[in-house]
Amino acid sequence: MTEPPPYVEGHGLLAGKTVVVTAAAGAGIGFATAQRCVEEALMGGAVDRLGRIDVLVNNAGLGGTAELVDMTDEQWHAVLDVTLNGTFRCTRAVLRHMYERGRGVVVNNASVIGWRAQAGQAHYAAAKAGVMAFTRSTAMEAARHGVRVNAVAPSLALHPFLAKVTSEELLEELTAREAFGRSAEPWEVANVIVFLASDYSSYLTGEVVSVSSQHP
């Protein structure tokens, strides 16, 4: 197992931009993304520009484990509503604002599970695959308004909340699939989100970037 690389200091990629990160910012990728955005000079000039949203990061998501034959309608709808419908609602609202300004960036949090099979995750996989398709279609609509829409698809980023709801055996199995022999640090995923949010990715739209070292 390789050790995580040293934490990367900020480089001002989001200087002067106002960024909104939806939900799940208490731990894991959401918290790491919020922290990385602050470190990239997020607050510079934001005080007098609170009415402007340059970047939306749709991080809100709800998981769970249930075999399909035992899955209730409530479990299915809860995961789809938070993970997919929430992304739709927040994006719809922010695009109206961004279209008026003729610029903006949306970054959605998908998952490699939208591509790869995993037992007990039919609802979550369907929701994340939906986020990927939503990203691509929305990007085509938004491009003519000067707005970019992309997504990240992490494989395994370990944080306290995930550890609480996932068995140690499953975590060990998922970690063993990673080429680096370890899970991603949440800030490693956040770094890619920051890149997609920044002007360094100005020609990327409709893309789903895999943040993973997992082999099939």
N, C-alpha and C. Protein backbone atom coordinates (compact mmCIF):
# COMPACT_ATOMS: atom_id res chain seq x y z
N MET A 1 0.84 -1.19 0.00
CA MET A 1 0.00 0.00 0.00
C MET A 1 0.88 1.25 0.00
N THR A 2 0.61 2.16 -0.90
CA THR A 2 1.37 3.41 -0.96
C THR A 2 0.78 4.43 -0.01
N GLU A 3 1.62 5.33 0.45
CA GLU A 3 1.17 6.39 1.33
C GLU A 3 0.59 7.54 0.49
N PRO A 4 -0.38 8.28 1.05
CA PRO A 4 -0.91 9.43 0.32
C PRO A 4 0.19 10.46 0.06
N PRO A 5 0.09 11.21 -1.03
CA PRO A 5 1.09 12.24 -1.30
C PRO A 5 0.92 13.40 -0.33
N PRO A 6 1.91 14.29 -0.25
CA PRO A 6 1.77 15.46 0.63
C PRO A 6 0.60 16.32 0.19
N TYR A 7 -0.03 16.95 1.14
CA TYR A 7 -1.16 17.84 0.87
C TYR A 7 -0.70 18.98 -0.03
N VAL A 8 -1.47 19.26 -1.07
CA VAL A 8 -1.11 20.28 -2.04
C VAL A 8 -1.64 21.64 -1.59
N GLU A 9 -0.75 22.61 -1.50
CA GLU A 9 -1.16 23.95 -1.09
C GLU A 9 -1.94 24.64 -2.22
N GLY A 10 -2.72 25.65 -1.84
CA GLY A 10 -3.51 26.38 -2.80
C GLY A 10 -2.67 27.16 -3.79
N HIS A 11 -3.21 27.33 -5.01
CA HIS A 11 -2.51 28.06 -6.06
C HIS A 11 -3.37 29.16 -6.67
N GLY A 12 -4.41 29.56 -5.97
CA GLY A 12 -5.23 30.66 -6.44
C GLY A 12 -6.08 30.34 -7.66
N LEU A 13 -6.42 29.07 -7.87
CA LEU A 13 -7.19 28.71 -9.05
C LEU A 13 -8.60 29.29 -9.04
N LEU A 14 -9.13 29.57 -7.86
CA LEU A 14 -10.49 30.10 -7.77
C LEU A 14 -10.50 31.51 -7.21
N ALA A 15 -9.42 32.22 -7.38
CA ALA A 15 -9.32 33.58 -6.84
C ALA A 15 -10.45 34.46 -7.36
N GLY A 16 -11.15 35.10 -6.43
CA GLY A 16 -12.20 36.04 -6.79
C GLY A 16 -13.51 35.41 -7.20
N LYS A 17 -13.64 34.08 -7.10
CA LYS A 17 -14.87 33.41 -7.51
C LYS A 17 -15.72 33.04 -6.30
N THR A 18 -17.03 33.11 -6.48
CA THR A 18 -17.97 32.68 -5.45
C THR A 18 -18.42 31.26 -5.75
N VAL A 19 -18.23 30.36 -4.79
CA VAL A 19 -18.50 28.94 -4.99
C VAL A 19 -19.54 28.46 -4.00
N VAL A 20 -20.53 27.70 -4.48
CA VAL A 20 -21.53 27.08 -3.62
C VAL A 20 -21.33 25.57 -3.68
N VAL A 21 -21.16 24.94 -2.50
CA VAL A 21 -21.03 23.49 -2.40
C VAL A 21 -22.26 22.97 -1.68
N THR A 22 -23.05 22.12 -2.33
CA THR A 22 -24.29 21.66 -1.73
C THR A 22 -24.06 20.52 -0.76
N ALA A 23 -24.65 20.63 0.41
CA ALA A 23 -24.79 19.57 1.41
C ALA A 23 -23.53 18.76 1.67
N ALA A 24 -23.68 17.84 2.61
CA ALA A 24 -22.62 16.87 2.96
C ALA A 24 -21.26 17.53 3.12
N ALA A 25 -21.24 18.76 3.66
CA ALA A 25 -19.97 19.47 3.81
C ALA A 25 -19.37 19.27 5.20
N GLY A 26 -19.93 18.35 5.99
CA GLY A 26 -19.42 18.14 7.34
C GLY A 26 -18.24 17.19 7.38
N ALA A 27 -18.10 16.38 6.34
CA ALA A 27 -17.00 15.41 6.32
C ALA A 27 -16.81 14.94 4.90
N GLY A 28 -15.73 14.22 4.67
CA GLY A 28 -15.51 13.59 3.39
C GLY A 28 -15.28 14.57 2.26
N ILE A 29 -15.76 14.22 1.06
CA ILE A 29 -15.48 15.00 -0.13
C ILE A 29 -16.08 16.39 -0.05
N GLY A 30 -17.29 16.51 0.52
CA GLY A 30 -17.92 17.82 0.63
C GLY A 30 -17.12 18.78 1.48
N PHE A 31 -16.68 18.31 2.64
CA PHE A 31 -15.87 19.16 3.51
C PHE A 31 -14.53 19.49 2.86
N ALA A 32 -13.90 18.48 2.26
CA ALA A 32 -12.61 18.70 1.63
C ALA A 32 -12.72 19.69 0.48
N THR A 33 -13.82 19.61 -0.28
CA THR A 33 -14.01 20.54 -1.40
C THR A 33 -14.21 21.95 -0.89
N ALA A 34 -15.03 22.10 0.15
CA ALA A 34 -15.23 23.44 0.72
C ALA A 34 -13.92 24.01 1.23
N GLN A 35 -13.14 23.18 1.90
CA GLN A 35 -11.85 23.64 2.42
C GLN A 35 -10.90 24.02 1.30
N ARG A 36 -10.83 23.18 0.25
CA ARG A 36 -9.95 23.48 -0.87
C ARG A 36 -10.36 24.78 -1.56
N CYS A 37 -11.66 25.00 -1.69
CA CYS A 37 -12.13 26.23 -2.33
C CYS A 37 -11.72 27.46 -1.53
N VAL A 38 -11.82 27.36 -0.22
CA VAL A 38 -11.39 28.48 0.63
C VAL A 38 -9.90 28.72 0.46
N GLU A 39 -9.11 27.65 0.42
CA GLU A 39 -7.67 27.77 0.27
C GLU A 39 -7.28 28.34 -1.09
N GLU A 40 -8.12 28.18 -2.09
CA GLU A 40 -7.84 28.72 -3.43
C GLU A 40 -8.34 30.18 -3.52
N ALA A 41 -8.33 30.93 -2.42
CA ALA A 41 -8.68 32.38 -2.42
C ALA A 41 -10.13 32.65 -2.73
N LEU A 42 -11.03 31.67 -2.36
CA LEU A 42 -12.47 31.82 -2.56
C LEU A 42 -13.01 33.12 -2.01
N MET A 43 -12.52 33.51 -0.80
CA MET A 43 -13.12 34.64 -0.11
C MET A 43 -12.63 36.00 -0.61
N GLY A 44 -11.58 35.99 -1.44
CA GLY A 44 -11.08 37.25 -1.94
C GLY A 44 -12.12 37.94 -2.81
N GLY A 45 -12.67 39.03 -2.32
CA GLY A 45 -13.66 39.80 -3.06
C GLY A 45 -15.07 39.28 -2.97
N ALA A 46 -15.29 38.17 -2.24
CA ALA A 46 -16.63 37.59 -2.19
C ALA A 46 -17.59 38.38 -1.33
N VAL A 47 -17.07 39.10 -0.35
CA VAL A 47 -17.93 39.83 0.59
C VAL A 47 -18.85 40.80 -0.13
N ASP A 48 -18.30 41.51 -1.11
CA ASP A 48 -19.13 42.49 -1.83
C ASP A 48 -19.76 41.91 -3.08
N ARG A 49 -19.72 40.58 -3.23
CA ARG A 49 -20.28 39.94 -4.41
C ARG A 49 -21.16 38.75 -4.03
N LEU A 50 -21.83 38.82 -2.92
CA LEU A 50 -22.58 37.66 -2.44
C LEU A 50 -23.74 37.29 -3.35
N GLY A 51 -24.16 38.22 -4.18
CA GLY A 51 -25.26 37.92 -5.08
C GLY A 51 -24.83 37.16 -6.33
N ARG A 52 -23.56 36.84 -6.45
CA ARG A 52 -23.05 36.21 -7.66
C ARG A 52 -22.58 34.79 -7.36
N ILE A 53 -22.95 33.86 -8.20
CA ILE A 53 -22.47 32.48 -8.06
C ILE A 53 -21.69 32.13 -9.32
N ASP A 54 -20.40 31.92 -9.16
CA ASP A 54 -19.54 31.54 -10.28
C ASP A 54 -19.49 30.03 -10.47
N VAL A 55 -19.55 29.30 -9.35
CA VAL A 55 -19.39 27.85 -9.39
C VAL A 55 -20.40 27.18 -8.47
N LEU A 56 -21.05 26.14 -8.95
CA LEU A 56 -21.88 25.28 -8.12
C LEU A 56 -21.28 23.89 -8.11
N VAL A 57 -21.03 23.35 -6.92
CA VAL A 57 -20.58 21.96 -6.78
C VAL A 57 -21.73 21.16 -6.17
N ASN A 58 -22.32 20.30 -6.96
CA ASN A 58 -23.41 19.44 -6.49
C ASN A 58 -22.83 18.20 -5.82
N ASN A 59 -22.66 18.30 -4.51
CA ASN A 59 -22.03 17.22 -3.76
C ASN A 59 -23.04 16.37 -2.99
N ALA A 60 -24.26 16.87 -2.84
CA ALA A 60 -25.25 16.16 -2.02
C ALA A 60 -25.53 14.78 -2.59
N GLY A 61 -25.54 13.79 -1.71
CA GLY A 61 -25.82 12.43 -2.14
C GLY A 61 -26.23 11.58 -0.96
N LEU A 62 -27.00 10.56 -1.23
CA LEU A 62 -27.45 9.64 -0.19
C LEU A 62 -27.21 8.22 -0.67
N GLY A 63 -26.56 7.42 0.16
CA GLY A 63 -26.29 6.04 -0.20
C GLY A 63 -27.08 5.07 0.66
N GLY A 64 -26.58 3.87 0.73
CA GLY A 64 -27.25 2.81 1.47
C GLY A 64 -26.97 1.49 0.80
N THR A 65 -27.21 0.40 1.52
CA THR A 65 -26.98 -0.93 0.96
C THR A 65 -28.23 -1.77 1.15
N ALA A 66 -28.72 -2.33 0.06
CA ALA A 66 -29.90 -3.20 0.13
C ALA A 66 -29.97 -4.04 -1.13
N GLU A 67 -30.19 -5.34 -0.96
CA GLU A 67 -30.42 -6.19 -2.11
C GLU A 67 -31.74 -5.77 -2.77
N LEU A 68 -31.79 -5.85 -4.09
CA LEU A 68 -32.95 -5.33 -4.81
C LEU A 68 -34.25 -5.99 -4.37
N VAL A 69 -34.24 -7.29 -4.12
CA VAL A 69 -35.47 -7.98 -3.74
C VAL A 69 -35.99 -7.52 -2.38
N ASP A 70 -35.11 -6.95 -1.57
CA ASP A 70 -35.51 -6.47 -0.25
C ASP A 70 -35.67 -4.95 -0.20
N MET A 71 -35.33 -4.26 -1.28
CA MET A 71 -35.35 -2.80 -1.30
C MET A 71 -36.78 -2.28 -1.35
N THR A 72 -37.08 -1.36 -0.46
CA THR A 72 -38.42 -0.77 -0.44
C THR A 72 -38.50 0.39 -1.42
N ASP A 73 -39.73 0.76 -1.76
CA ASP A 73 -39.92 1.93 -2.61
C ASP A 73 -39.33 3.17 -1.94
N GLU A 74 -39.48 3.23 -0.62
CA GLU A 74 -38.98 4.38 0.12
C GLU A 74 -37.46 4.49 0.02
N GLN A 75 -36.75 3.36 0.15
CA GLN A 75 -35.30 3.37 0.02
C GLN A 75 -34.87 3.81 -1.39
N TRP A 76 -35.53 3.27 -2.39
CA TRP A 76 -35.22 3.62 -3.78
C TRP A 76 -35.44 5.12 -4.02
N HIS A 77 -36.62 5.60 -3.65
CA HIS A 77 -36.96 7.00 -3.92
C HIS A 77 -36.09 7.97 -3.11
N ALA A 78 -35.72 7.61 -1.90
CA ALA A 78 -34.89 8.50 -1.07
C ALA A 78 -33.53 8.73 -1.72
N VAL A 79 -32.89 7.65 -2.18
CA VAL A 79 -31.57 7.77 -2.81
C VAL A 79 -31.67 8.54 -4.12
N LEU A 80 -32.65 8.21 -4.94
CA LEU A 80 -32.82 8.91 -6.22
C LEU A 80 -33.16 10.38 -6.01
N ASP A 81 -33.98 10.67 -5.00
CA ASP A 81 -34.41 12.05 -4.80
C ASP A 81 -33.26 12.95 -4.36
N VAL A 82 -32.46 12.48 -3.41
CA VAL A 82 -31.35 13.31 -2.94
C VAL A 82 -30.23 13.37 -3.98
N THR A 83 -29.85 12.21 -4.50
CA THR A 83 -28.65 12.11 -5.32
C THR A 83 -28.86 12.62 -6.74
N LEU A 84 -29.97 12.28 -7.37
CA LEU A 84 -30.22 12.68 -8.75
C LEU A 84 -31.15 13.89 -8.83
N ASN A 85 -32.29 13.80 -8.19
CA ASN A 85 -33.24 14.92 -8.27
C ASN A 85 -32.69 16.18 -7.62
N GLY A 86 -31.93 16.02 -6.55
CA GLY A 86 -31.32 17.18 -5.89
C GLY A 86 -30.34 17.88 -6.82
N THR A 87 -29.56 17.09 -7.56
CA THR A 87 -28.63 17.66 -8.55
C THR A 87 -29.39 18.42 -9.62
N PHE A 88 -30.49 17.84 -10.08
CA PHE A 88 -31.34 18.51 -11.09
C PHE A 88 -31.88 19.84 -10.56
N ARG A 89 -32.44 19.83 -9.37
CA ARG A 89 -33.08 21.04 -8.84
C ARG A 89 -32.06 22.17 -8.62
N CYS A 90 -30.92 21.83 -8.02
CA CYS A 90 -29.91 22.85 -7.75
C CYS A 90 -29.33 23.39 -9.05
N THR A 91 -29.10 22.50 -10.02
CA THR A 91 -28.54 22.94 -11.30
C THR A 91 -29.54 23.83 -12.04
N ARG A 92 -30.80 23.44 -12.05
CA ARG A 92 -31.82 24.26 -12.71
C ARG A 92 -31.84 25.66 -12.13
N ALA A 93 -31.79 25.76 -10.82
CA ALA A 93 -31.85 27.07 -10.17
C ALA A 93 -30.63 27.91 -10.50
N VAL A 94 -29.43 27.32 -10.46
CA VAL A 94 -28.22 28.11 -10.67
C VAL A 94 -28.03 28.47 -12.14
N LEU A 95 -28.50 27.63 -13.06
CA LEU A 95 -28.34 27.94 -14.47
C LEU A 95 -29.13 29.18 -14.87
N ARG A 96 -30.28 29.38 -14.26
CA ARG A 96 -31.05 30.58 -14.56
C ARG A 96 -30.24 31.83 -14.22
N HIS A 97 -29.52 31.77 -13.12
CA HIS A 97 -28.65 32.87 -12.70
C HIS A 97 -27.44 32.99 -13.62
N MET A 98 -26.80 31.86 -13.93
CA MET A 98 -25.59 31.88 -14.75
C MET A 98 -25.88 32.29 -16.19
N TYR A 99 -27.02 31.87 -16.71
CA TYR A 99 -27.37 32.24 -18.08
C TYR A 99 -27.47 33.75 -18.24
N GLU A 100 -28.03 34.41 -17.23
CA GLU A 100 -28.15 35.86 -17.27
C GLU A 100 -26.79 36.54 -17.33
N ARG A 101 -25.80 35.92 -16.66
CA ARG A 101 -24.47 36.50 -16.61
C ARG A 101 -23.60 36.05 -17.79
N GLY A 102 -24.02 34.98 -18.47
CA GLY A 102 -23.26 34.49 -19.60
C GLY A 102 -22.00 33.75 -19.24
N ARG A 103 -21.93 33.25 -18.01
CA ARG A 103 -20.76 32.48 -17.57
C ARG A 103 -21.11 31.71 -16.30
N GLY A 104 -20.28 30.72 -16.01
CA GLY A 104 -20.47 29.93 -14.79
C GLY A 104 -20.01 28.50 -15.00
N VAL A 105 -19.87 27.78 -13.90
CA VAL A 105 -19.41 26.39 -13.93
C VAL A 105 -20.22 25.57 -12.93
N VAL A 106 -20.61 24.38 -13.36
CA VAL A 106 -21.27 23.41 -12.47
C VAL A 106 -20.41 22.15 -12.46
N VAL A 107 -20.12 21.65 -11.27
CA VAL A 107 -19.38 20.39 -11.13
C VAL A 107 -20.25 19.44 -10.30
N ASN A 108 -20.59 18.31 -10.87
CA ASN A 108 -21.41 17.31 -10.18
C ASN A 108 -20.56 16.18 -9.65
N ASN A 109 -20.98 15.65 -8.51
CA ASN A 109 -20.27 14.52 -7.91
C ASN A 109 -20.98 13.24 -8.31
N ALA A 110 -20.38 12.48 -9.20
CA ALA A 110 -20.94 11.19 -9.62
C ALA A 110 -20.19 10.09 -8.85
N SER A 111 -19.96 8.97 -9.47
CA SER A 111 -19.24 7.86 -8.83
C SER A 111 -18.93 6.81 -9.88
N VAL A 112 -17.80 6.11 -9.72
CA VAL A 112 -17.49 5.03 -10.65
C VAL A 112 -18.53 3.93 -10.58
N ILE A 113 -19.32 3.91 -9.54
CA ILE A 113 -20.36 2.89 -9.43
C ILE A 113 -21.44 3.11 -10.48
N GLY A 114 -21.47 4.29 -11.09
CA GLY A 114 -22.36 4.52 -12.21
C GLY A 114 -21.93 3.75 -13.45
N TRP A 115 -20.68 3.28 -13.47
CA TRP A 115 -20.15 2.45 -14.56
C TRP A 115 -19.99 1.00 -14.15
N ARG A 116 -19.62 0.76 -12.89
CA ARG A 116 -19.21 -0.56 -12.44
C ARG A 116 -20.25 -1.18 -11.52
N ALA A 117 -20.35 -2.48 -11.58
CA ALA A 117 -21.37 -3.19 -10.81
C ALA A 117 -20.94 -3.43 -9.37
N GLN A 118 -21.90 -3.29 -8.45
CA GLN A 118 -21.65 -3.64 -7.05
C GLN A 118 -22.96 -4.07 -6.42
N ALA A 119 -22.99 -5.24 -5.85
CA ALA A 119 -24.20 -5.78 -5.24
C ALA A 119 -24.70 -4.87 -4.12
N GLY A 120 -25.99 -4.77 -4.01
CA GLY A 120 -26.59 -3.98 -2.94
C GLY A 120 -26.64 -2.50 -3.21
N GLN A 121 -26.24 -2.09 -4.42
CA GLN A 121 -26.14 -0.66 -4.73
C GLN A 121 -26.97 -0.26 -5.95
N ALA A 122 -28.03 -0.98 -6.26
CA ALA A 122 -28.80 -0.71 -7.47
C ALA A 122 -29.35 0.73 -7.47
N HIS A 123 -29.86 1.19 -6.33
CA HIS A 123 -30.43 2.54 -6.27
C HIS A 123 -29.35 3.61 -6.42
N TYR A 124 -28.23 3.42 -5.73
CA TYR A 124 -27.14 4.40 -5.77
C TYR A 124 -26.49 4.41 -7.15
N ALA A 125 -26.28 3.22 -7.73
CA ALA A 125 -25.69 3.13 -9.06
C ALA A 125 -26.58 3.79 -10.10
N ALA A 126 -27.87 3.56 -10.01
CA ALA A 126 -28.81 4.17 -10.95
C ALA A 126 -28.79 5.69 -10.82
N ALA A 127 -28.73 6.17 -9.58
CA ALA A 127 -28.71 7.61 -9.35
C ALA A 127 -27.43 8.24 -9.91
N LYS A 128 -26.29 7.61 -9.66
CA LYS A 128 -25.02 8.18 -10.11
C LYS A 128 -24.86 8.07 -11.63
N ALA A 129 -25.36 6.99 -12.23
CA ALA A 129 -25.37 6.91 -13.69
C ALA A 129 -26.26 8.00 -14.26
N GLY A 130 -27.35 8.28 -13.56
CA GLY A 130 -28.23 9.37 -13.96
C GLY A 130 -27.53 10.72 -13.90
N VAL A 131 -26.72 10.93 -12.85
CA VAL A 131 -25.96 12.17 -12.73
C VAL A 131 -25.01 12.33 -13.91
N MET A 132 -24.38 11.24 -14.33
CA MET A 132 -23.46 11.30 -15.48
C MET A 132 -24.20 11.70 -16.75
N ALA A 133 -25.33 11.05 -17.03
CA ALA A 133 -26.10 11.36 -18.23
C ALA A 133 -26.66 12.78 -18.16
N PHE A 134 -27.11 13.17 -16.98
CA PHE A 134 -27.62 14.53 -16.76
C PHE A 134 -26.52 15.55 -17.05
N THR A 135 -25.31 15.27 -16.59
CA THR A 135 -24.17 16.16 -16.81
C THR A 135 -23.92 16.39 -18.29
N ARG A 136 -23.89 15.31 -19.05
CA ARG A 136 -23.59 15.42 -20.48
C ARG A 136 -24.68 16.19 -21.23
N SER A 137 -25.94 15.89 -20.94
CA SER A 137 -27.04 16.56 -21.63
C SER A 137 -27.12 18.03 -21.26
N THR A 138 -26.99 18.32 -19.97
CA THR A 138 -27.07 19.70 -19.52
C THR A 138 -25.94 20.54 -20.10
N ALA A 139 -24.76 19.93 -20.22
CA ALA A 139 -23.61 20.64 -20.77
C ALA A 139 -23.89 21.12 -22.19
N MET A 140 -24.59 20.32 -22.99
CA MET A 140 -24.89 20.70 -24.36
C MET A 140 -25.84 21.90 -24.41
N GLU A 141 -26.76 21.97 -23.47
CA GLU A 141 -27.67 23.10 -23.40
C GLU A 141 -26.97 24.35 -22.90
N ALA A 142 -26.09 24.18 -21.92
CA ALA A 142 -25.47 25.32 -21.24
C ALA A 142 -24.35 25.96 -22.04
N ALA A 143 -23.75 25.21 -22.95
CA ALA A 143 -22.56 25.70 -23.66
C ALA A 143 -22.84 26.99 -24.41
N ARG A 144 -23.99 27.10 -25.03
CA ARG A 144 -24.29 28.30 -25.81
C ARG A 144 -24.53 29.53 -24.94
N HIS A 145 -24.64 29.30 -23.63
CA HIS A 145 -24.78 30.41 -22.67
C HIS A 145 -23.47 30.71 -21.95
N GLY A 146 -22.38 30.05 -22.37
CA GLY A 146 -21.08 30.29 -21.74
C GLY A 146 -20.89 29.58 -20.42
N VAL A 147 -21.70 28.56 -20.16
CA VAL A 147 -21.64 27.82 -18.89
C VAL A 147 -21.14 26.41 -19.15
N ARG A 148 -20.21 25.95 -18.30
CA ARG A 148 -19.66 24.59 -18.41
C ARG A 148 -20.23 23.70 -17.32
N VAL A 149 -20.48 22.42 -17.67
CA VAL A 149 -21.01 21.44 -16.72
C VAL A 149 -20.19 20.16 -16.85
N ASN A 150 -19.53 19.76 -15.79
CA ASN A 150 -18.72 18.54 -15.76
C ASN A 150 -19.01 17.76 -14.48
N ALA A 151 -18.42 16.60 -14.37
CA ALA A 151 -18.60 15.77 -13.17
C ALA A 151 -17.31 15.04 -12.84
N VAL A 152 -17.19 14.67 -11.58
CA VAL A 152 -16.14 13.76 -11.13
C VAL A 152 -16.78 12.44 -10.76
N ALA A 153 -16.01 11.37 -10.94
CA ALA A 153 -16.50 10.04 -10.57
C ALA A 153 -15.45 9.36 -9.70
N PRO A 154 -15.51 9.58 -8.38
CA PRO A 154 -14.55 8.95 -7.48
C PRO A 154 -14.84 7.46 -7.33
N SER A 155 -13.81 6.70 -6.98
CA SER A 155 -14.04 5.29 -6.66
C SER A 155 -14.19 5.12 -5.15
N LEU A 156 -13.10 5.30 -4.42
CA LEU A 156 -13.15 5.09 -2.97
C LEU A 156 -12.39 6.20 -2.26
N ALA A 157 -13.12 7.05 -1.56
CA ALA A 157 -12.50 8.10 -0.74
C ALA A 157 -12.99 7.90 0.69
N LEU A 158 -12.11 7.45 1.55
CA LEU A 158 -12.51 7.05 2.90
C LEU A 158 -12.62 8.25 3.83
N HIS A 159 -13.73 8.31 4.56
CA HIS A 159 -13.94 9.34 5.58
C HIS A 159 -14.80 8.73 6.68
N PRO A 160 -14.91 9.40 7.84
CA PRO A 160 -15.60 8.80 8.98
C PRO A 160 -17.02 8.35 8.71
N PHE A 161 -17.81 9.12 7.95
CA PHE A 161 -19.19 8.75 7.68
C PHE A 161 -19.27 7.46 6.88
N LEU A 162 -18.40 7.30 5.89
CA LEU A 162 -18.38 6.09 5.09
C LEU A 162 -18.01 4.89 5.94
N ALA A 163 -17.03 5.07 6.81
CA ALA A 163 -16.58 3.98 7.67
C ALA A 163 -17.71 3.50 8.60
N LYS A 164 -18.60 4.41 8.98
CA LYS A 164 -19.69 4.05 9.89
C LYS A 164 -20.75 3.19 9.21
N VAL A 165 -20.96 3.40 7.90
CA VAL A 165 -22.06 2.72 7.21
C VAL A 165 -21.59 1.60 6.29
N THR A 166 -20.29 1.32 6.30
CA THR A 166 -19.74 0.28 5.43
C THR A 166 -18.95 -0.71 6.27
N SER A 167 -19.15 -1.99 6.01
CA SER A 167 -18.45 -3.00 6.79
C SER A 167 -16.95 -2.95 6.50
N GLU A 168 -16.18 -3.37 7.51
CA GLU A 168 -14.73 -3.39 7.35
C GLU A 168 -14.31 -4.35 6.24
N GLU A 169 -15.05 -5.46 6.11
CA GLU A 169 -14.73 -6.43 5.07
C GLU A 169 -14.90 -5.84 3.67
N LEU A 170 -16.00 -5.08 3.46
CA LEU A 170 -16.24 -4.48 2.16
C LEU A 170 -15.21 -3.40 1.86
N LEU A 171 -14.86 -2.62 2.87
CA LEU A 171 -13.85 -1.58 2.66
C LEU A 171 -12.51 -2.19 2.27
N GLU A 172 -12.16 -3.30 2.92
CA GLU A 172 -10.91 -3.99 2.58
C GLU A 172 -10.96 -4.52 1.15
N GLU A 173 -12.12 -5.05 0.75
CA GLU A 173 -12.27 -5.57 -0.60
C GLU A 173 -12.14 -4.45 -1.64
N LEU A 174 -12.81 -3.33 -1.39
CA LEU A 174 -12.76 -2.20 -2.32
C LEU A 174 -11.36 -1.60 -2.39
N THR A 175 -10.70 -1.52 -1.25
CA THR A 175 -9.34 -0.97 -1.22
C THR A 175 -8.38 -1.86 -2.01
N ALA A 176 -8.59 -3.16 -1.92
CA ALA A 176 -7.71 -4.10 -2.63
C ALA A 176 -7.80 -3.95 -4.14
N ARG A 177 -8.89 -3.40 -4.63
CA ARG A 177 -9.05 -3.20 -6.08
C ARG A 177 -8.28 -1.98 -6.59
N GLU A 178 -7.88 -1.10 -5.67
CA GLU A 178 -7.21 0.13 -6.07
C GLU A 178 -5.74 -0.14 -6.40
N ALA A 179 -5.27 0.42 -7.49
CA ALA A 179 -3.88 0.17 -7.92
C ALA A 179 -2.88 0.66 -6.90
N PHE A 180 -3.21 1.74 -6.19
CA PHE A 180 -2.29 2.27 -5.19
C PHE A 180 -2.40 1.53 -3.86
N GLY A 181 -3.36 0.61 -3.75
CA GLY A 181 -3.53 -0.15 -2.52
C GLY A 181 -4.06 0.67 -1.37
N ARG A 182 -4.69 1.77 -1.65
CA ARG A 182 -5.27 2.63 -0.62
C ARG A 182 -6.46 3.37 -1.21
N SER A 183 -7.30 3.89 -0.32
CA SER A 183 -8.39 4.75 -0.77
C SER A 183 -7.84 6.14 -1.05
N ALA A 184 -8.59 6.92 -1.80
CA ALA A 184 -8.20 8.31 -2.04
C ALA A 184 -8.43 9.13 -0.78
N GLU A 185 -7.58 10.10 -0.55
CA GLU A 185 -7.88 11.10 0.46
C GLU A 185 -8.98 12.00 -0.10
N PRO A 186 -9.96 12.41 0.71
CA PRO A 186 -11.02 13.28 0.18
C PRO A 186 -10.49 14.51 -0.54
N TRP A 187 -9.37 15.06 -0.07
CA TRP A 187 -8.83 16.26 -0.72
C TRP A 187 -8.26 15.96 -2.10
N GLU A 188 -7.93 14.69 -2.36
CA GLU A 188 -7.46 14.34 -3.70
C GLU A 188 -8.60 14.41 -4.71
N VAL A 189 -9.79 14.04 -4.28
CA VAL A 189 -10.98 14.21 -5.13
C VAL A 189 -11.31 15.69 -5.25
N ALA A 190 -11.23 16.41 -4.14
CA ALA A 190 -11.53 17.84 -4.14
C ALA A 190 -10.61 18.60 -5.09
N ASN A 191 -9.35 18.17 -5.21
CA ASN A 191 -8.42 18.83 -6.12
C ASN A 191 -8.92 18.79 -7.56
N VAL A 192 -9.51 17.66 -7.95
CA VAL A 192 -10.02 17.52 -9.31
C VAL A 192 -11.26 18.39 -9.49
N ILE A 193 -12.09 18.46 -8.45
CA ILE A 193 -13.26 19.34 -8.50
C ILE A 193 -12.82 20.78 -8.67
N VAL A 194 -11.80 21.19 -7.92
CA VAL A 194 -11.29 22.55 -8.04
C VAL A 194 -10.76 22.82 -9.44
N PHE A 195 -10.05 21.84 -10.02
CA PHE A 195 -9.56 21.99 -11.39
C PHE A 195 -10.72 22.22 -12.36
N LEU A 196 -11.77 21.40 -12.25
CA LEU A 196 -12.92 21.54 -13.15
C LEU A 196 -13.65 22.85 -12.92
N ALA A 197 -13.60 23.36 -11.71
CA ALA A 197 -14.25 24.63 -11.39
C ALA A 197 -13.45 25.83 -11.88
N SER A 198 -12.17 25.62 -12.12
CA SER A 198 -11.27 26.72 -12.44
C SER A 198 -11.20 26.98 -13.94
N ASP A 199 -10.57 28.09 -14.30
CA ASP A 199 -10.39 28.44 -15.71
C ASP A 199 -9.38 27.55 -16.41
N TYR A 200 -8.64 26.72 -15.67
CA TYR A 200 -7.71 25.79 -16.29
C TYR A 200 -8.43 24.72 -17.11
N SER A 201 -9.70 24.52 -16.85
CA SER A 201 -10.48 23.52 -17.60
C SER A 201 -11.48 24.19 -18.53
N SER A 202 -11.10 25.34 -19.08
CA SER A 202 -12.02 26.17 -19.85
C SER A 202 -12.60 25.49 -21.09
N TYR A 203 -11.94 24.45 -21.61
CA TYR A 203 -12.45 23.79 -22.81
C TYR A 203 -13.11 22.45 -22.49
N LEU A 204 -13.31 22.16 -21.22
CA LEU A 204 -13.96 20.91 -20.82
C LEU A 204 -15.41 21.17 -20.47
N THR A 205 -16.30 20.46 -21.12
CA THR A 205 -17.70 20.46 -20.71
C THR A 205 -18.34 19.15 -21.13
N GLY A 206 -19.28 18.68 -20.32
CA GLY A 206 -19.93 17.41 -20.58
C GLY A 206 -19.07 16.21 -20.28
N GLU A 207 -17.97 16.42 -19.55
CA GLU A 207 -17.04 15.34 -19.24
C GLU A 207 -17.30 14.76 -17.85
N VAL A 208 -17.06 13.47 -17.71
CA VAL A 208 -17.08 12.81 -16.40
C VAL A 208 -15.67 12.30 -16.15
N VAL A 209 -14.98 12.91 -15.19
CA VAL A 209 -13.58 12.60 -14.92
C VAL A 209 -13.49 11.58 -13.79
N SER A 210 -12.94 10.43 -14.09
CA SER A 210 -12.79 9.39 -13.09
C SER A 210 -11.63 9.74 -12.16
N VAL A 211 -11.91 9.80 -10.86
CA VAL A 211 -10.86 10.02 -9.85
C VAL A 211 -10.67 8.68 -9.15
N SER A 212 -9.86 7.84 -9.77
CA SER A 212 -9.81 6.45 -9.34
C SER A 212 -8.49 5.82 -9.76
N SER A 213 -8.05 4.85 -8.96
CA SER A 213 -6.93 4.00 -9.38
C SER A 213 -7.40 2.56 -9.46
N GLN A 214 -8.72 2.40 -9.54
CA GLN A 214 -9.31 1.06 -9.51
C GLN A 214 -9.22 0.37 -10.85
N HIS A 215 -8.80 -0.87 -10.85
CA HIS A 215 -8.79 -1.66 -12.07
C HIS A 215 -10.05 -2.53 -12.12
N PRO A 216 -10.46 -2.99 -13.29
CA PRO A 216 -11.69 -3.76 -13.42
C PRO A 216 -11.68 -5.01 -12.58
